[in-house]
Full PDB file with SEQRES, HELIX, SHEET, SSBOND, CRYST1, ORIGX, SCALE, CONECT and MASTER records, all heavy atoms in Angstrom:
SEQRES   1 A   32  THR VAL LYS ALA THR GLY ALA MET SER TYR SER GLY LEU          
SEQRES   2 A   32  LYS VAL VAL VAL GLY GLY LYS VAL LYS GLY TYR ASN LEU          
SEQRES   3 A   32  GLY SER LEU GLU LYS GLY                                      
CRYST1    1.000    1.000    1.000  90.00  90.00  90.00 P 1           1          
ORIGX1      1.000000  0.000000  0.000000        0.00000                         
ORIGX2      0.000000  1.000000  0.000000        0.00000                         
ORIGX3      0.000000  0.000000  1.000000        0.00000                         
SCALE1      1.000000  0.000000  0.000000        0.00000                         
SCALE2      0.000000  1.000000  0.000000        0.00000                         
SCALE3      0.000000  0.000000  1.000000        0.00000                         
ATOM      1  N   THR A   1       0.772  -1.207  -0.028  1.00  0.00           N  
ATOM      2  CA  THR A   1      -0.036   0.013  -0.001  1.00  0.00           C  
ATOM      3  C   THR A   1       0.867   1.273   0.005  1.00  0.00           C  
ATOM      4  O   THR A   1       1.803   1.354   0.802  1.00  0.00           O  
ATOM      5  CB  THR A   1      -0.932   0.012   1.236  1.00  0.00           C  
ATOM      6  OG1 THR A   1      -1.667  -1.196   1.269  1.00  0.00           O  
ATOM      7  CG2 THR A   1      -1.867   1.170   1.201  1.00  0.00           C  
ATOM      8  N   VAL A   2       0.640   2.194  -0.887  1.00  0.00           N  
ATOM      9  CA  VAL A   2       1.294   3.465  -0.899  1.00  0.00           C  
ATOM     10  C   VAL A   2       0.756   4.280   0.255  1.00  0.00           C  
ATOM     11  O   VAL A   2      -0.442   4.652   0.246  1.00  0.00           O  
ATOM     12  CB  VAL A   2       1.055   4.190  -2.272  1.00  0.00           C  
ATOM     13  CG1 VAL A   2       1.837   5.502  -2.244  1.00  0.00           C  
ATOM     14  CG2 VAL A   2       1.562   3.294  -3.425  1.00  0.00           C  
ATOM     15  N   LYS A   3       1.588   4.642   1.190  1.00  0.00           N  
ATOM     16  CA  LYS A   3       1.162   5.394   2.396  1.00  0.00           C  
ATOM     17  C   LYS A   3       0.495   6.746   2.086  1.00  0.00           C  
ATOM     18  O   LYS A   3      -0.501   7.061   2.642  1.00  0.00           O  
ATOM     19  CB  LYS A   3       2.294   5.630   3.321  1.00  0.00           C  
ATOM     20  CG  LYS A   3       2.779   4.417   4.015  1.00  0.00           C  
ATOM     21  CD  LYS A   3       3.948   4.748   4.987  1.00  0.00           C  
ATOM     22  CE  LYS A   3       4.465   3.482   5.707  1.00  0.00           C  
ATOM     23  NZ  LYS A   3       5.503   3.772   6.631  1.00  0.00           N  
ATOM     24  N   ALA A   4       1.044   7.457   1.096  1.00  0.00           N  
ATOM     25  CA  ALA A   4       0.554   8.800   0.797  1.00  0.00           C  
ATOM     26  C   ALA A   4      -0.895   8.800   0.218  1.00  0.00           C  
ATOM     27  O   ALA A   4      -1.685   9.650   0.498  1.00  0.00           O  
ATOM     28  CB  ALA A   4       1.485   9.506  -0.185  1.00  0.00           C  
ATOM     29  N   THR A   5      -1.153   7.760  -0.617  1.00  0.00           N  
ATOM     30  CA  THR A   5      -2.506   7.786  -1.312  1.00  0.00           C  
ATOM     31  C   THR A   5      -3.389   6.572  -0.872  1.00  0.00           C  
ATOM     32  O   THR A   5      -4.555   6.635  -1.153  1.00  0.00           O  
ATOM     33  CB  THR A   5      -2.219   7.619  -2.794  1.00  0.00           C  
ATOM     34  OG1 THR A   5      -1.582   6.334  -3.103  1.00  0.00           O  
ATOM     35  CG2 THR A   5      -1.398   8.752  -3.332  1.00  0.00           C  
ATOM     36  N   GLY A   6      -2.876   5.552  -0.236  1.00  0.00           N  
ATOM     37  CA  GLY A   6      -3.645   4.411   0.100  1.00  0.00           C  
ATOM     38  C   GLY A   6      -3.889   3.493  -1.103  1.00  0.00           C  
ATOM     39  O   GLY A   6      -4.548   2.424  -0.979  1.00  0.00           O  
ATOM     40  N   ALA A   7      -3.269   3.783  -2.236  1.00  0.00           N  
ATOM     41  CA  ALA A   7      -3.453   2.947  -3.442  1.00  0.00           C  
ATOM     42  C   ALA A   7      -2.571   1.692  -3.334  1.00  0.00           C  
ATOM     43  O   ALA A   7      -1.619   1.634  -2.586  1.00  0.00           O  
ATOM     44  CB  ALA A   7      -3.058   3.752  -4.646  1.00  0.00           C  
ATOM     45  N   MET A   8      -2.940   0.668  -4.048  1.00  0.00           N  
ATOM     46  CA  MET A   8      -2.156  -0.597  -4.071  1.00  0.00           C  
ATOM     47  C   MET A   8      -1.045  -0.416  -5.084  1.00  0.00           C  
ATOM     48  O   MET A   8      -1.098   0.186  -6.172  1.00  0.00           O  
ATOM     49  CB  MET A   8      -3.050  -1.776  -4.554  1.00  0.00           C  
ATOM     50  CG  MET A   8      -4.012  -2.138  -3.513  1.00  0.00           C  
ATOM     51  SD  MET A   8      -3.212  -2.817  -2.056  1.00  0.00           S  
ATOM     52  CE  MET A   8      -4.566  -2.706  -0.867  1.00  0.00           C  
ATOM     53  N   SER A   9       0.098  -0.995  -4.758  1.00  0.00           N  
ATOM     54  CA  SER A   9       1.254  -1.034  -5.631  1.00  0.00           C  
ATOM     55  C   SER A   9       1.761  -2.437  -5.729  1.00  0.00           C  
ATOM     56  O   SER A   9       1.627  -3.215  -4.753  1.00  0.00           O  
ATOM     57  CB  SER A   9       2.322  -0.082  -5.070  1.00  0.00           C  
ATOM     58  OG  SER A   9       3.528  -0.145  -5.867  1.00  0.00           O  
ATOM     59  N   TYR A  10       2.338  -2.825  -6.838  1.00  0.00           N  
ATOM     60  CA  TYR A  10       2.841  -4.185  -7.049  1.00  0.00           C  
ATOM     61  C   TYR A  10       4.279  -4.143  -7.419  1.00  0.00           C  
ATOM     62  O   TYR A  10       4.711  -3.287  -8.157  1.00  0.00           O  
ATOM     63  CB  TYR A  10       1.967  -4.881  -8.107  1.00  0.00           C  
ATOM     64  CG  TYR A  10       0.558  -5.035  -7.713  1.00  0.00           C  
ATOM     65  CD1 TYR A  10      -0.339  -4.011  -8.161  1.00  0.00           C  
ATOM     66  CD2 TYR A  10       0.136  -6.092  -6.984  1.00  0.00           C  
ATOM     67  CE1 TYR A  10      -1.667  -4.157  -7.761  1.00  0.00           C  
ATOM     68  CE2 TYR A  10      -1.210  -6.213  -6.616  1.00  0.00           C  
ATOM     69  CZ  TYR A  10      -2.148  -5.221  -7.013  1.00  0.00           C  
ATOM     70  OH  TYR A  10      -3.401  -5.311  -6.656  1.00  0.00           O  
ATOM     71  N   SER A  11       5.054  -5.098  -6.924  1.00  0.00           N  
ATOM     72  CA  SER A  11       6.471  -5.285  -7.181  1.00  0.00           C  
ATOM     73  C   SER A  11       6.689  -6.693  -7.508  1.00  0.00           C  
ATOM     74  O   SER A  11       6.037  -7.606  -7.038  1.00  0.00           O  
ATOM     75  CB  SER A  11       7.315  -4.905  -5.951  1.00  0.00           C  
ATOM     76  OG  SER A  11       7.028  -3.623  -5.496  1.00  0.00           O  
ATOM     77  N   GLY A  12       7.640  -6.940  -8.423  1.00  0.00           N  
ATOM     78  CA  GLY A  12       8.039  -8.282  -8.763  1.00  0.00           C  
ATOM     79  C   GLY A  12       9.125  -8.847  -7.903  1.00  0.00           C  
ATOM     80  O   GLY A  12      10.022  -8.084  -7.471  1.00  0.00           O  
ATOM     81  N   LEU A  13       9.146 -10.108  -7.663  1.00  0.00           N  
ATOM     82  CA  LEU A  13      10.185 -10.756  -6.863  1.00  0.00           C  
ATOM     83  C   LEU A  13      10.661 -11.942  -7.681  1.00  0.00           C  
ATOM     84  O   LEU A  13       9.865 -12.742  -8.145  1.00  0.00           O  
ATOM     85  CB  LEU A  13       9.598 -11.219  -5.506  1.00  0.00           C  
ATOM     86  CG  LEU A  13      10.500 -12.107  -4.653  1.00  0.00           C  
ATOM     87  CD1 LEU A  13      11.661 -11.254  -4.098  1.00  0.00           C  
ATOM     88  CD2 LEU A  13       9.700 -12.686  -3.476  1.00  0.00           C  
ATOM     89  N   LYS A  14      11.982 -12.042  -7.761  1.00  0.00           N  
ATOM     90  CA  LYS A  14      12.586 -13.119  -8.466  1.00  0.00           C  
ATOM     91  C   LYS A  14      13.661 -13.757  -7.554  1.00  0.00           C  
ATOM     92  O   LYS A  14      14.550 -13.007  -7.107  1.00  0.00           O  
ATOM     93  CB  LYS A  14      13.180 -12.713  -9.802  1.00  0.00           C  
ATOM     94  CG  LYS A  14      13.940 -13.766 -10.552  1.00  0.00           C  
ATOM     95  CD  LYS A  14      14.362 -13.190 -11.916  1.00  0.00           C  
ATOM     96  CE  LYS A  14      15.601 -13.823 -12.418  1.00  0.00           C  
ATOM     97  NZ  LYS A  14      16.016 -13.203 -13.660  1.00  0.00           N  
ATOM     98  N   VAL A  15      13.603 -15.003  -7.336  1.00  0.00           N  
ATOM     99  CA  VAL A  15      14.625 -15.697  -6.485  1.00  0.00           C  
ATOM    100  C   VAL A  15      15.200 -16.767  -7.335  1.00  0.00           C  
ATOM    101  O   VAL A  15      14.548 -17.674  -7.920  1.00  0.00           O  
ATOM    102  CB  VAL A  15      13.963 -16.334  -5.169  1.00  0.00           C  
ATOM    103  CG1 VAL A  15      15.033 -17.076  -4.434  1.00  0.00           C  
ATOM    104  CG2 VAL A  15      13.300 -15.266  -4.397  1.00  0.00           C  
ATOM    105  N   VAL A  16      16.571 -16.786  -7.420  1.00  0.00           N  
ATOM    106  CA  VAL A  16      17.343 -17.815  -8.195  1.00  0.00           C  
ATOM    107  C   VAL A  16      18.191 -18.541  -7.206  1.00  0.00           C  
ATOM    108  O   VAL A  16      18.987 -17.956  -6.447  1.00  0.00           O  
ATOM    109  CB  VAL A  16      18.178 -17.137  -9.287  1.00  0.00           C  
ATOM    110  CG1 VAL A  16      18.904 -18.204 -10.083  1.00  0.00           C  
ATOM    111  CG2 VAL A  16      17.300 -16.298 -10.233  1.00  0.00           C  
ATOM    112  N   VAL A  17      18.108 -19.850  -7.180  1.00  0.00           N  
ATOM    113  CA  VAL A  17      18.860 -20.707  -6.354  1.00  0.00           C  
ATOM    114  C   VAL A  17      19.605 -21.688  -7.229  1.00  0.00           C  
ATOM    115  O   VAL A  17      19.062 -22.340  -8.116  1.00  0.00           O  
ATOM    116  CB  VAL A  17      18.011 -21.508  -5.332  1.00  0.00           C  
ATOM    117  CG1 VAL A  17      18.854 -22.405  -4.475  1.00  0.00           C  
ATOM    118  CG2 VAL A  17      17.170 -20.615  -4.498  1.00  0.00           C  
ATOM    119  N   GLY A  18      20.992 -21.744  -7.063  1.00  0.00           N  
ATOM    120  CA  GLY A  18      21.798 -22.658  -7.825  1.00  0.00           C  
ATOM    121  C   GLY A  18      22.627 -23.562  -6.976  1.00  0.00           C  
ATOM    122  O   GLY A  18      22.956 -23.243  -5.835  1.00  0.00           O  
ATOM    123  N   GLY A  19      22.905 -24.724  -7.503  1.00  0.00           N  
ATOM    124  CA  GLY A  19      23.716 -25.658  -6.763  1.00  0.00           C  
ATOM    125  C   GLY A  19      23.570 -27.069  -7.320  1.00  0.00           C  
ATOM    126  O   GLY A  19      23.040 -27.252  -8.371  1.00  0.00           O  
ATOM    127  N   LYS A  20      24.004 -28.035  -6.542  1.00  0.00           N  
ATOM    128  CA  LYS A  20      23.903 -29.417  -6.935  1.00  0.00           C  
ATOM    129  C   LYS A  20      22.689 -30.071  -6.311  1.00  0.00           C  
ATOM    130  O   LYS A  20      22.484 -29.946  -5.118  1.00  0.00           O  
ATOM    131  CB  LYS A  20      25.169 -30.180  -6.546  1.00  0.00           C  
ATOM    132  CG  LYS A  20      25.236 -31.622  -6.998  1.00  0.00           C  
ATOM    133  CD  LYS A  20      26.571 -32.252  -6.656  1.00  0.00           C  
ATOM    134  CE  LYS A  20      26.569 -33.692  -7.128  1.00  0.00           C  
ATOM    135  NZ  LYS A  20      27.716 -34.407  -6.696  1.00  0.00           N  
ATOM    136  N   VAL A  21      21.895 -30.744  -7.174  1.00  0.00           N  
ATOM    137  CA  VAL A  21      20.755 -31.411  -6.641  1.00  0.00           C  
ATOM    138  C   VAL A  21      21.206 -32.682  -5.910  1.00  0.00           C  
ATOM    139  O   VAL A  21      21.934 -33.543  -6.467  1.00  0.00           O  
ATOM    140  CB  VAL A  21      19.749 -31.839  -7.777  1.00  0.00           C  
ATOM    141  CG1 VAL A  21      18.658 -32.677  -7.302  1.00  0.00           C  
ATOM    142  CG2 VAL A  21      19.212 -30.575  -8.472  1.00  0.00           C  
ATOM    143  N   LYS A  22      20.774 -32.794  -4.691  1.00  0.00           N  
ATOM    144  CA  LYS A  22      21.151 -33.968  -3.825  1.00  0.00           C  
ATOM    145  C   LYS A  22      20.004 -35.006  -3.793  1.00  0.00           C  
ATOM    146  O   LYS A  22      20.207 -36.114  -3.479  1.00  0.00           O  
ATOM    147  CB  LYS A  22      21.537 -33.504  -2.442  1.00  0.00           C  
ATOM    148  CG  LYS A  22      22.755 -32.591  -2.440  1.00  0.00           C  
ATOM    149  CD  LYS A  22      23.066 -32.150  -1.017  1.00  0.00           C  
ATOM    150  CE  LYS A  22      24.198 -33.066  -0.540  1.00  0.00           C  
ATOM    151  NZ  LYS A  22      24.672 -32.772   0.713  1.00  0.00           N  
ATOM    152  N   GLY A  23      18.845 -34.513  -4.027  1.00  0.00           N  
ATOM    153  CA  GLY A  23      17.689 -35.419  -4.017  1.00  0.00           C  
ATOM    154  C   GLY A  23      16.394 -34.693  -4.452  1.00  0.00           C  
ATOM    155  O   GLY A  23      16.331 -33.452  -4.446  1.00  0.00           O  
ATOM    156  N   TYR A  24      15.416 -35.415  -4.810  1.00  0.00           N  
ATOM    157  CA  TYR A  24      14.161 -34.791  -5.234  1.00  0.00           C  
ATOM    158  C   TYR A  24      13.015 -35.811  -4.904  1.00  0.00           C  
ATOM    159  O   TYR A  24      13.201 -36.994  -4.801  1.00  0.00           O  
ATOM    160  CB  TYR A  24      14.155 -34.417  -6.675  1.00  0.00           C  
ATOM    161  CG  TYR A  24      14.422 -35.476  -7.633  1.00  0.00           C  
ATOM    162  CD1 TYR A  24      13.359 -36.254  -8.117  1.00  0.00           C  
ATOM    163  CD2 TYR A  24      15.724 -35.809  -8.034  1.00  0.00           C  
ATOM    164  CE1 TYR A  24      13.623 -37.310  -9.051  1.00  0.00           C  
ATOM    165  CE2 TYR A  24      15.980 -36.809  -8.896  1.00  0.00           C  
ATOM    166  CZ  TYR A  24      14.865 -37.554  -9.430  1.00  0.00           C  
ATOM    167  OH  TYR A  24      15.167 -38.574 -10.266  1.00  0.00           O  
ATOM    168  N   ASN A  25      11.839 -35.236  -4.757  1.00  0.00           N  
ATOM    169  CA  ASN A  25      10.641 -35.977  -4.489  1.00  0.00           C  
ATOM    170  C   ASN A  25       9.593 -35.497  -5.453  1.00  0.00           C  
ATOM    171  O   ASN A  25       9.088 -34.350  -5.356  1.00  0.00           O  
ATOM    172  CB  ASN A  25      10.159 -35.822  -3.042  1.00  0.00           C  
ATOM    173  CG  ASN A  25       8.913 -36.556  -2.739  1.00  0.00           C  
ATOM    174  OD1 ASN A  25       8.360 -37.241  -3.590  1.00  0.00           O  
ATOM    175  ND2 ASN A  25       8.434 -36.366  -1.520  1.00  0.00           N  
ATOM    176  N   LEU A  26       9.210 -36.331  -6.396  1.00  0.00           N  
ATOM    177  CA  LEU A  26       8.176 -35.942  -7.404  1.00  0.00           C  
ATOM    178  C   LEU A  26       6.835 -35.765  -6.748  1.00  0.00           C  
ATOM    179  O   LEU A  26       5.988 -35.108  -7.300  1.00  0.00           O  
ATOM    180  CB  LEU A  26       8.153 -36.894  -8.544  1.00  0.00           C  
ATOM    181  CG  LEU A  26       9.361 -37.005  -9.396  1.00  0.00           C  
ATOM    182  CD1 LEU A  26       9.202 -38.098 -10.416  1.00  0.00           C  
ATOM    183  CD2 LEU A  26       9.732 -35.710 -10.017  1.00  0.00           C  
ATOM    184  N   GLY A  27       6.594 -36.338  -5.577  1.00  0.00           N  
ATOM    185  CA  GLY A  27       5.327 -36.156  -4.890  1.00  0.00           C  
ATOM    186  C   GLY A  27       4.199 -36.806  -5.603  1.00  0.00           C  
ATOM    187  O   GLY A  27       4.355 -37.824  -6.328  1.00  0.00           O  
ATOM    188  N   SER A  28       3.019 -36.260  -5.404  1.00  0.00           N  
ATOM    189  CA  SER A  28       1.840 -36.819  -6.089  1.00  0.00           C  
ATOM    190  C   SER A  28       0.918 -35.695  -6.441  1.00  0.00           C  
ATOM    191  O   SER A  28       0.969 -34.605  -5.977  1.00  0.00           O  
ATOM    192  CB  SER A  28       1.095 -37.790  -5.114  1.00  0.00           C  
ATOM    193  OG  SER A  28       0.700 -37.055  -3.948  1.00  0.00           O  
ATOM    194  N   LEU A  29       0.046 -35.989  -7.429  1.00  0.00           N  
ATOM    195  CA  LEU A  29      -0.900 -35.012  -7.902  1.00  0.00           C  
ATOM    196  C   LEU A  29      -2.284 -35.667  -7.812  1.00  0.00           C  
ATOM    197  O   LEU A  29      -2.478 -36.778  -8.196  1.00  0.00           O  
ATOM    198  CB  LEU A  29      -0.647 -34.653  -9.324  1.00  0.00           C  
ATOM    199  CG  LEU A  29       0.630 -33.800  -9.589  1.00  0.00           C  
ATOM    200  CD1 LEU A  29       0.784 -33.591 -11.105  1.00  0.00           C  
ATOM    201  CD2 LEU A  29       0.498 -32.447  -8.933  1.00  0.00           C  
ATOM    202  N   GLU A  30      -3.242 -34.848  -7.311  1.00  0.00           N  
ATOM    203  CA  GLU A  30      -4.621 -35.262  -7.329  1.00  0.00           C  
ATOM    204  C   GLU A  30      -5.475 -34.097  -7.773  1.00  0.00           C  
ATOM    205  O   GLU A  30      -5.195 -32.960  -7.452  1.00  0.00           O  
ATOM    206  CB  GLU A  30      -5.048 -35.711  -5.885  1.00  0.00           C  
ATOM    207  CG  GLU A  30      -4.487 -37.018  -5.422  1.00  0.00           C  
ATOM    208  CD  GLU A  30      -5.037 -37.430  -4.058  1.00  0.00           C  
ATOM    209  OE1 GLU A  30      -6.290 -37.315  -3.902  1.00  0.00           O  
ATOM    210  OE2 GLU A  30      -4.289 -37.691  -3.212  1.00  0.00           O  
ATOM    211  N   LYS A  31      -6.489 -34.404  -8.529  1.00  0.00           N  
ATOM    212  CA  LYS A  31      -7.342 -33.355  -9.144  1.00  0.00           C  
ATOM    213  C   LYS A  31      -7.923 -32.538  -7.989  1.00  0.00           C  
ATOM    214  O   LYS A  31      -8.458 -33.068  -6.991  1.00  0.00           O  
ATOM    215  CB  LYS A  31      -8.464 -33.986  -9.878  1.00  0.00           C  
ATOM    216  CG  LYS A  31      -9.336 -33.020 -10.641  1.00  0.00           C  
ATOM    217  CD  LYS A  31     -10.305 -33.753 -11.490  1.00  0.00           C  
ATOM    218  CE  LYS A  31     -11.159 -32.741 -12.286  1.00  0.00           C  
ATOM    219  NZ  LYS A  31     -12.160 -33.453 -13.133  1.00  0.00           N  
ATOM    220  N   GLY A  32      -7.752 -31.185  -8.086  1.00  0.00           N  
ATOM    221  CA  GLY A  32      -8.303 -30.273  -7.087  1.00  0.00           C  
ATOM    222  C   GLY A  32      -7.493 -30.170  -5.792  1.00  0.00           C  
ATOM    223  O   GLY A  32      -7.963 -29.490  -4.858  1.00  0.00           O  
TER     224      GLY A  32                                                      
MASTER        0    0    0    0    0    0    0    6  223    1    0    3          
END                                                                             
């Protein structure tokens, strides 16, 4: 929220993580 006007403001966020994969879990998917 912009304090001066009370209007909404949006910002983008980008996070990049690099390294060696030690393990993964594909998990499961269910509809909904």
